[in-house]
Amino acid sequence: MPKRESKNFLEVFEMFVISQAAKGVADITIRNYRYHMKNMSNYFDAEKPFDEVTKRDIKAMVVAMRKAGLAHNTIATYNRMLKTLPM
């Protein structure tokens, strides 16, 4: 059986965005998802294989965001967005 190629976090994210658009999610929400993903990639390796992303990676991202001075509510928004992904 051939080995299945693992998708990276960004590829899975894009598949999620497409599925949300197909469900009729508002364009502004789709733009917000993409905006948040772009900003998260400053603190998180979005090229990492999706099946290798751990809670520790997410916690490290949150710590980096706090050290960078992002507001609590901003970080909470990123966390809410991540919870919508099929992890």
PDB file of N, CA and C in Angstrom:
ATOM      1  N   MET A   1       0.845  -1.170   0.000  1.00  0.00           N
ATOM      2  CA  MET A   1       0.000   0.000   0.000  1.00  0.00           C
ATOM      3  C   MET A   1       0.894   1.238   0.000  1.00  0.00           C
ATOM      4  N   PRO A   2       0.676   2.202  -0.910  1.00  0.00           N
ATOM      5  CA  PRO A   2       1.511   3.390  -0.937  1.00  0.00           C
ATOM      6  C   PRO A   2       1.276   4.263   0.285  1.00  0.00           C
ATOM      7  N   LYS A   3       2.361   4.894   0.732  1.00  0.00           N
ATOM      8  CA  LYS A   3       2.258   5.767   1.891  1.00  0.00           C
ATOM      9  C   LYS A   3       1.516   7.047   1.500  1.00  0.00           C
ATOM     10  N   ARG A   4       0.572   7.431   2.309  1.00  0.00           N
ATOM     11  CA  ARG A   4      -0.210   8.638   2.084  1.00  0.00           C
ATOM     12  C   ARG A   4       0.646   9.861   2.394  1.00  0.00           C
ATOM     13  N   GLU A   5       0.644  10.836   1.487  1.00  0.00           N
ATOM     14  CA  GLU A   5       1.420  12.048   1.709  1.00  0.00           C
ATOM     15  C   GLU A   5       0.720  12.905   2.756  1.00  0.00           C
ATOM     16  N   SER A   6       1.484  13.314   3.757  1.00  0.00           N
ATOM     17  CA  SER A   6       0.935  14.116   4.831  1.00  0.00           C
ATOM     18  C   SER A   6       0.793  15.570   4.380  1.00  0.00           C
ATOM     19  N   LYS A   7      -0.322  16.165   4.686  1.00  0.00           N
ATOM     20  CA  LYS A   7      -0.550  17.569   4.364  1.00  0.00           C
ATOM     21  C   LYS A   7      -0.016  18.421   5.514  1.00  0.00           C
ATOM     22  N   ASN A   8       0.482  19.604   5.141  1.00  0.00           N
ATOM     23  CA  ASN A   8       0.957  20.492   6.189  1.00  0.00           C
ATOM     24  C   ASN A   8      -0.220  21.283   6.764  1.00  0.00           C
ATOM     25  N   PHE A   9       0.034  21.995   7.838  1.00  0.00           N
ATOM     26  CA  PHE A   9      -1.006  22.726   8.548  1.00  0.00           C
ATOM     27  C   PHE A   9      -1.701  23.710   7.620  1.00  0.00           C
ATOM     28  N   LEU A  10      -0.933  24.414   6.797  1.00  0.00           N
ATOM     29  CA  LEU A  10      -1.497  25.411   5.898  1.00  0.00           C
ATOM     30  C   LEU A  10      -2.424  24.774   4.868  1.00  0.00           C
ATOM     31  N   GLU A  11      -2.054  23.615   4.345  1.00  0.00           N
ATOM     32  CA  GLU A  11      -2.903  22.917   3.376  1.00  0.00           C
ATOM     33  C   GLU A  11      -4.226  22.477   4.009  1.00  0.00           C
ATOM     34  N   VAL A  12      -4.157  21.962   5.214  1.00  0.00           N
ATOM     35  CA  VAL A  12      -5.378  21.559   5.924  1.00  0.00           C
ATOM     36  C   VAL A  12      -6.235  22.779   6.209  1.00  0.00           C
ATOM     37  N   PHE A  13      -5.598  23.872   6.588  1.00  0.00           N
ATOM     38  CA  PHE A  13      -6.315  25.115   6.847  1.00  0.00           C
ATOM     39  C   PHE A  13      -7.051  25.567   5.585  1.00  0.00           C
ATOM     40  N   GLU A  14      -6.383  25.532   4.443  1.00  0.00           N
ATOM     41  CA  GLU A  14      -7.016  25.953   3.190  1.00  0.00           C
ATOM     42  C   GLU A  14      -8.204  25.049   2.841  1.00  0.00           C
ATOM     43  N   MET A  15      -8.068  23.752   3.076  1.00  0.00           N
ATOM     44  CA  MET A  15      -9.181  22.836   2.831  1.00  0.00           C
ATOM     45  C   MET A  15     -10.358  23.187   3.742  1.00  0.00           C
ATOM     46  N   PHE A  16     -10.068  23.548   4.978  1.00  0.00           N
ATOM     47  CA  PHE A  16     -11.101  23.963   5.928  1.00  0.00           C
ATOM     48  C   PHE A  16     -11.801  25.227   5.429  1.00  0.00           C
ATOM     49  N   VAL A  17     -11.031  26.209   4.976  1.00  0.00           N
ATOM     50  CA  VAL A  17     -11.609  27.462   4.489  1.00  0.00           C
ATOM     51  C   VAL A  17     -12.524  27.199   3.291  1.00  0.00           C
ATOM     52  N   ILE A  18     -12.069  26.350   2.380  1.00  0.00           N
ATOM     53  CA  ILE A  18     -12.888  26.011   1.212  1.00  0.00           C
ATOM     54  C   ILE A  18     -14.188  25.332   1.654  1.00  0.00           C
ATOM     55  N   SER A  19     -14.101  24.431   2.619  1.00  0.00           N
ATOM     56  CA  SER A  19     -15.316  23.747   3.089  1.00  0.00           C
ATOM     57  C   SER A  19     -16.272  24.732   3.750  1.00  0.00           C
ATOM     58  N   GLN A  20     -15.723  25.710   4.471  1.00  0.00           N
ATOM     59  CA  GLN A  20     -16.579  26.712   5.107  1.00  0.00           C
ATOM     60  C   GLN A  20     -17.255  27.588   4.061  1.00  0.00           C
ATOM     61  N   ALA A  21     -16.515  27.965   3.020  1.00  0.00           N
ATOM     62  CA  ALA A  21     -17.094  28.765   1.941  1.00  0.00           C
ATOM     63  C   ALA A  21     -18.208  27.991   1.245  1.00  0.00           C
ATOM     64  N   ALA A  22     -17.996  26.692   1.042  1.00  0.00           N
ATOM     65  CA  ALA A  22     -19.009  25.849   0.406  1.00  0.00           C
ATOM     66  C   ALA A  22     -20.272  25.749   1.258  1.00  0.00           C
ATOM     67  N   LYS A  23     -20.119  25.859   2.574  1.00  0.00           N
ATOM     68  CA  LYS A  23     -21.267  25.814   3.483  1.00  0.00           C
ATOM     69  C   LYS A  23     -22.024  27.144   3.505  1.00  0.00           C
ATOM     70  N   GLY A  24     -21.438  28.170   2.879  1.00  0.00           N
ATOM     71  CA  GLY A  24     -22.098  29.469   2.850  1.00  0.00           C
ATOM     72  C   GLY A  24     -21.671  30.430   3.941  1.00  0.00           C
ATOM     73  N   VAL A  25     -20.536  30.144   4.575  1.00  0.00           N
ATOM     74  CA  VAL A  25     -20.029  31.057   5.600  1.00  0.00           C
ATOM     75  C   VAL A  25     -19.761  32.416   4.945  1.00  0.00           C
ATOM     76  N   ALA A  26     -20.038  33.474   5.654  1.00  0.00           N
ATOM     77  CA  ALA A  26     -19.910  34.832   5.125  1.00  0.00           C
ATOM     78  C   ALA A  26     -18.482  35.118   4.641  1.00  0.00           C
ATOM     79  N   ASP A  27     -18.403  35.904   3.572  1.00  0.00           N
ATOM     80  CA  ASP A  27     -17.102  36.271   3.008  1.00  0.00           C
ATOM     81  C   ASP A  27     -16.200  36.945   4.046  1.00  0.00           C
ATOM     82  N   ILE A  28     -16.774  37.777   4.896  1.00  0.00           N
ATOM     83  CA  ILE A  28     -15.977  38.454   5.916  1.00  0.00           C
ATOM     84  C   ILE A  28     -15.358  37.450   6.880  1.00  0.00           C
ATOM     85  N   THR A  29     -16.076  36.376   7.192  1.00  0.00           N
ATOM     86  CA  THR A  29     -15.548  35.335   8.071  1.00  0.00           C
ATOM     87  C   THR A  29     -14.388  34.618   7.386  1.00  0.00           C
ATOM     88  N   ILE A  30     -14.537  34.325   6.101  1.00  0.00           N
ATOM     89  CA  ILE A  30     -13.463  33.665   5.345  1.00  0.00           C
ATOM     90  C   ILE A  30     -12.231  34.570   5.317  1.00  0.00           C
ATOM     91  N   ARG A  31     -12.438  35.861   5.082  1.00  0.00           N
ATOM     92  CA  ARG A  31     -11.299  36.798   5.083  1.00  0.00           C
ATOM     93  C   ARG A  31     -10.634  36.833   6.456  1.00  0.00           C
ATOM     94  N   ASN A  32     -11.454  36.800   7.509  1.00  0.00           N
ATOM     95  CA  ASN A  32     -10.904  36.800   8.866  1.00  0.00           C
ATOM     96  C   ASN A  32     -10.084  35.546   9.122  1.00  0.00           C
ATOM     97  N   TYR A  33     -10.571  34.382   8.673  1.00  0.00           N
ATOM     98  CA  TYR A  33      -9.798  33.139   8.824  1.00  0.00           C
ATOM     99  C   TYR A  33      -8.430  33.287   8.167  1.00  0.00           C
ATOM    100  N   ARG A  34      -8.412  33.780   6.943  1.00  0.00           N
ATOM    101  CA  ARG A  34      -7.137  33.918   6.213  1.00  0.00           C
ATOM    102  C   ARG A  34      -6.225  34.945   6.888  1.00  0.00           C
ATOM    103  N   TYR A  35      -6.799  36.036   7.348  1.00  0.00           N
ATOM    104  CA  TYR A  35      -6.021  37.062   8.057  1.00  0.00           C
ATOM    105  C   TYR A  35      -5.385  36.476   9.311  1.00  0.00           C
ATOM    106  N   HIS A  36      -6.172  35.745  10.080  1.00  0.00           N
ATOM    107  CA  HIS A  36      -5.651  35.151  11.310  1.00  0.00           C
ATOM    108  C   HIS A  36      -4.570  34.116  11.013  1.00  0.00           C
ATOM    109  N   MET A  37      -4.766  33.319   9.964  1.00  0.00           N
ATOM    110  CA  MET A  37      -3.756  32.318   9.628  1.00  0.00           C
ATOM    111  C   MET A  37      -2.455  32.993   9.222  1.00  0.00           C
ATOM    112  N   LYS A  38      -2.546  34.060   8.447  1.00  0.00           N
ATOM    113  CA  LYS A  38      -1.338  34.791   8.040  1.00  0.00           C
ATOM    114  C   LYS A  38      -0.595  35.312   9.272  1.00  0.00           C
ATOM    115  N   ASN A  39      -1.328  35.887  10.200  1.00  0.00           N
ATOM    116  CA  ASN A  39      -0.696  36.401  11.412  1.00  0.00           C
ATOM    117  C   ASN A  39      -0.149  35.285  12.304  1.00  0.00           C
ATOM    118  N   MET A  40      -0.875  34.177  12.379  1.00  0.00           N
ATOM    119  CA  MET A  40      -0.391  33.057  13.196  1.00  0.00           C
ATOM    120  C   MET A  40       0.920  32.512  12.660  1.00  0.00           C
ATOM    121  N   SER A  41       1.086  32.559  11.348  1.00  0.00           N
ATOM    122  CA  SER A  41       2.307  32.000  10.768  1.00  0.00           C
ATOM    123  C   SER A  41       3.553  32.768  11.199  1.00  0.00           C
ATOM    124  N   ASN A  42       3.379  33.942  11.800  1.00  0.00           N
ATOM    125  CA  ASN A  42       4.513  34.665  12.383  1.00  0.00           C
ATOM    126  C   ASN A  42       5.009  33.991  13.661  1.00  0.00           C
ATOM    127  N   TYR A  43       4.150  33.185  14.265  1.00  0.00           N
ATOM    128  CA  TYR A  43       4.462  32.561  15.552  1.00  0.00           C
ATOM    129  C   TYR A  43       4.437  31.037  15.515  1.00  0.00           C
ATOM    130  N   PHE A  44       4.099  30.482  14.362  1.00  0.00           N
ATOM    131  CA  PHE A  44       3.832  29.055  14.266  1.00  0.00           C
ATOM    132  C   PHE A  44       4.283  28.570  12.895  1.00  0.00           C
ATOM    133  N   ASP A  45       4.885  27.393  12.834  1.00  0.00           N
ATOM    134  CA  ASP A  45       5.353  26.826  11.569  1.00  0.00           C
ATOM    135  C   ASP A  45       4.177  26.193  10.824  1.00  0.00           C
ATOM    136  N   ALA A  46       3.576  26.961   9.920  1.00  0.00           N
ATOM    137  CA  ALA A  46       2.405  26.493   9.180  1.00  0.00           C
ATOM    138  C   ALA A  46       2.765  25.442   8.138  1.00  0.00           C
ATOM    139  N   GLU A  47       4.056  25.246   7.885  1.00  0.00           N
ATOM    140  CA  GLU A  47       4.499  24.225   6.933  1.00  0.00           C
ATOM    141  C   GLU A  47       4.684  22.862   7.607  1.00  0.00           C
ATOM    142  N   LYS A  48       4.530  22.833   8.912  1.00  0.00           N
ATOM    143  CA  LYS A  48       4.687  21.581   9.653  1.00  0.00           C
ATOM    144  C   LYS A  48       3.579  20.606   9.259  1.00  0.00           C
ATOM    145  N   PRO A  49       3.913  19.318   9.091  1.00  0.00           N
ATOM    146  CA  PRO A  49       2.855  18.348   8.777  1.00  0.00           C
ATOM    147  C   PRO A  49       1.741  18.415   9.819  1.00  0.00           C
ATOM    148  N   PHE A  50       0.516  18.467   9.330  1.00  0.00           N
ATOM    149  CA  PHE A  50      -0.641  18.649  10.203  1.00  0.00           C
ATOM    150  C   PHE A  50      -0.728  17.580  11.285  1.00  0.00           C
ATOM    151  N   ASP A  51      -0.431  16.337  10.903  1.00  0.00           N
ATOM    152  CA  ASP A  51      -0.556  15.255  11.882  1.00  0.00           C
ATOM    153  C   ASP A  51       0.560  15.270  12.929  1.00  0.00           C
ATOM    154  N   GLU A  52       1.495  16.203  12.801  1.00  0.00           N
ATOM    155  CA  GLU A  52       2.562  16.341  13.795  1.00  0.00           C
ATOM    156  C   GLU A  52       2.378  17.558  14.701  1.00  0.00           C
ATOM    157  N   VAL A  53       1.345  18.348  14.438  1.00  0.00           N
ATOM    158  CA  VAL A  53       1.073  19.514  15.278  1.00  0.00           C
ATOM    159  C   VAL A  53       0.529  19.022  16.610  1.00  0.00           C
ATOM    160  N   THR A  54       1.114  19.531  17.682  1.00  0.00           N
ATOM    161  CA  THR A  54       0.718  19.104  19.022  1.00  0.00           C
ATOM    162  C   THR A  54       0.158  20.281  19.824  1.00  0.00           C
ATOM    163  N   LYS A  55      -0.452  19.950  20.943  1.00  0.00           N
ATOM    164  CA  LYS A  55      -0.924  21.001  21.847  1.00  0.00           C
ATOM    165  C   LYS A  55       0.257  21.840  22.325  1.00  0.00           C
ATOM    166  N   ARG A  56       1.392  21.197  22.465  1.00  0.00           N
ATOM    167  CA  ARG A  56       2.593  21.918  22.894  1.00  0.00           C
ATOM    168  C   ARG A  56       2.970  22.989  21.869  1.00  0.00           C
ATOM    169  N   ASP A  57       2.835  22.675  20.569  1.00  0.00           N
ATOM    170  CA  ASP A  57       3.109  23.665  19.528  1.00  0.00           C
ATOM    171  C   ASP A  57       2.182  24.872  19.666  1.00  0.00           C
ATOM    172  N   ILE A  58       0.918  24.596  19.927  1.00  0.00           N
ATOM    173  CA  ILE A  58      -0.060  25.673  20.066  1.00  0.00           C
ATOM    174  C   ILE A  58       0.238  26.503  21.311  1.00  0.00           C
ATOM    175  N   LYS A  59       0.589  25.838  22.398  1.00  0.00           N
ATOM    176  CA  LYS A  59       0.934  26.564  23.623  1.00  0.00           C
ATOM    177  C   LYS A  59       2.181  27.420  23.413  1.00  0.00           C
ATOM    178  N   ALA A  60       3.160  26.898  22.683  1.00  0.00           N
ATOM    179  CA  ALA A  60       4.372  27.676  22.391  1.00  0.00           C
ATOM    180  C   ALA A  60       4.021  28.904  21.558  1.00  0.00           C
ATOM    181  N   MET A  61       3.071  28.756  20.635  1.00  0.00           N
ATOM    182  CA  MET A  61       2.628  29.893  19.836  1.00  0.00           C
ATOM    183  C   MET A  61       1.992  30.954  20.733  1.00  0.00           C
ATOM    184  N   VAL A  62       1.149  30.523  21.668  1.00  0.00           N
ATOM    185  CA  VAL A  62       0.493  31.457  22.586  1.00  0.00           C
ATOM    186  C   VAL A  62       1.538  32.196  23.425  1.00  0.00           C
ATOM    187  N   VAL A  63       2.532  31.480  23.911  1.00  0.00           N
ATOM    188  CA  VAL A  63       3.599  32.113  24.698  1.00  0.00           C
ATOM    189  C   VAL A  63       4.329  33.153  23.848  1.00  0.00           C
ATOM    190  N   ALA A  64       4.649  32.803  22.615  1.00  0.00           N
ATOM    191  CA  ALA A  64       5.342  33.740  21.719  1.00  0.00           C
ATOM    192  C   ALA A  64       4.480  34.972  21.461  1.00  0.00           C
ATOM    193  N   MET A  65       3.183  34.778  21.302  1.00  0.00           N
ATOM    194  CA  MET A  65       2.278  35.909  21.088  1.00  0.00           C
ATOM    195  C   MET A  65       2.241  36.820  22.305  1.00  0.00           C
ATOM    196  N   ARG A  66       2.224  36.205  23.487  1.00  0.00           N
ATOM    197  CA  ARG A  66       2.222  37.012  24.722  1.00  0.00           C
ATOM    198  C   ARG A  66       3.520  37.808  24.850  1.00  0.00           C
ATOM    199  N   LYS A  67       4.641  37.156  24.569  1.00  0.00           N
ATOM    200  CA  LYS A  67       5.932  37.841  24.638  1.00  0.00           C
ATOM    201  C   LYS A  67       6.004  38.986  23.636  1.00  0.00           C
ATOM    202  N   ALA A  68       5.310  38.831  22.505  1.00  0.00           N
ATOM    203  CA  ALA A  68       5.298  39.883  21.484  1.00  0.00           C
ATOM    204  C   ALA A  68       4.355  41.030  21.858  1.00  0.00           C
ATOM    205  N   GLY A  69       3.602  40.848  22.941  1.00  0.00           N
ATOM    206  CA  GLY A  69       2.733  41.908  23.426  1.00  0.00           C
ATOM    207  C   GLY A  69       1.321  41.900  22.878  1.00  0.00           C
ATOM    208  N   LEU A  70       0.912  40.811  22.243  1.00  0.00           N
ATOM    209  CA  LEU A  70      -0.463  40.737  21.750  1.00  0.00           C
ATOM    210  C   LEU A  70      -1.431  40.716  22.923  1.00  0.00           C
ATOM    211  N   ALA A  71      -2.555  41.357  22.737  1.00  0.00           N
ATOM    212  CA  ALA A  71      -3.568  41.446  23.786  1.00  0.00           C
ATOM    213  C   ALA A  71      -4.205  40.079  24.038  1.00  0.00           C
ATOM    214  N   HIS A  72      -4.685  39.902  25.245  1.00  0.00           N
ATOM    215  CA  HIS A  72      -5.341  38.653  25.639  1.00  0.00           C
ATOM    216  C   HIS A  72      -6.494  38.316  24.685  1.00  0.00           C
ATOM    217  N   ASN A  73      -7.316  39.320  24.360  1.00  0.00           N
ATOM    218  CA  ASN A  73      -8.457  39.079  23.475  1.00  0.00           C
ATOM    219  C   ASN A  73      -8.013  38.669  22.075  1.00  0.00           C
ATOM    220  N   THR A  74      -6.921  39.210  21.598  1.00  0.00           N
ATOM    221  CA  THR A  74      -6.394  38.844  20.281  1.00  0.00           C
ATOM    222  C   THR A  74      -5.972  37.385  20.282  1.00  0.00           C
ATOM    223  N   ILE A  75      -5.246  36.985  21.306  1.00  0.00           N
ATOM    224  CA  ILE A  75      -4.795  35.595  21.416  1.00  0.00           C
ATOM    225  C   ILE A  75      -5.998  34.664  21.541  1.00  0.00           C
ATOM    226  N   ALA A  76      -7.005  35.080  22.295  1.00  0.00           N
ATOM    227  CA  ALA A  76      -8.220  34.273  22.441  1.00  0.00           C
ATOM    228  C   ALA A  76      -8.915  34.088  21.089  1.00  0.00           C
ATOM    229  N   THR A  77      -8.881  35.113  20.250  1.00  0.00           N
ATOM    230  CA  THR A  77      -9.472  35.005  18.911  1.00  0.00           C
ATOM    231  C   THR A  77      -8.750  33.944  18.093  1.00  0.00           C
ATOM    232  N   TYR A  78      -7.419  33.926  18.148  1.00  0.00           N
ATOM    233  CA  TYR A  78      -6.656  32.911  17.426  1.00  0.00           C
ATOM    234  C   TYR A  78      -6.984  31.510  17.953  1.00  0.00           C
ATOM    235  N   ASN A  79      -7.085  31.387  19.248  1.00  0.00           N
ATOM    236  CA  ASN A  79      -7.424  30.084  19.835  1.00  0.00           C
ATOM    237  C   ASN A  79      -8.812  29.611  19.401  1.00  0.00           C
ATOM    238  N   ARG A  80      -9.776  30.531  19.362  1.00  0.00           N
ATOM    239  CA  ARG A  80     -11.123  30.158  18.910  1.00  0.00           C
ATOM    240  C   ARG A  80     -11.078  29.677  17.460  1.00  0.00           C
ATOM    241  N   MET A  81     -10.317  30.371  16.630  1.00  0.00           N
ATOM    242  CA  MET A  81     -10.215  29.968  15.238  1.00  0.00           C
ATOM    243  C   MET A  81      -9.593  28.574  15.117  1.00  0.00           C
ATOM    244  N   LEU A  82      -8.558  28.319  15.897  1.00  0.00           N
ATOM    245  CA  LEU A  82      -7.917  27.000  15.859  1.00  0.00           C
ATOM    246  C   LEU A  82      -8.884  25.901  16.283  1.00  0.00           C
ATOM    247  N   LYS A  83      -9.757  26.198  17.217  1.00  0.00           N
ATOM    248  CA  LYS A  83     -10.713  25.189  17.687  1.00  0.00           C
ATOM    249  C   LYS A  83     -11.719  24.805  16.609  1.00  0.00           C
ATOM    250  N   THR A  84     -11.880  25.638  15.599  1.00  0.00           N
ATOM    251  CA  THR A  84     -12.801  25.306  14.523  1.00  0.00           C
ATOM    252  C   THR A  84     -12.180  24.351  13.511  1.00  0.00           C
ATOM    253  N   LEU A  85     -10.855  24.212  13.550  1.00  0.00           N
ATOM    254  CA  LEU A  85     -10.178  23.298  12.631  1.00  0.00           C
ATOM    255  C   LEU A  85     -10.381  21.842  13.052  1.00  0.00           C
ATOM    256  N   PRO A  86     -10.348  20.936  12.103  1.00  0.00           N
ATOM    257  CA  PRO A  86     -10.532  19.511  12.427  1.00  0.00           C
ATOM    258  C   PRO A  86      -9.271  18.900  13.012  1.00  0.00           C
ATOM    259  N   MET A  87      -8.965  19.225  14.250  1.00  0.00           N
ATOM    260  CA  MET A  87      -7.726  18.726  14.876  1.00  0.00           C
ATOM    261  C   MET A  87      -8.019  17.524  15.741  1.00  0.00           C
TER     262      MET A  87
END
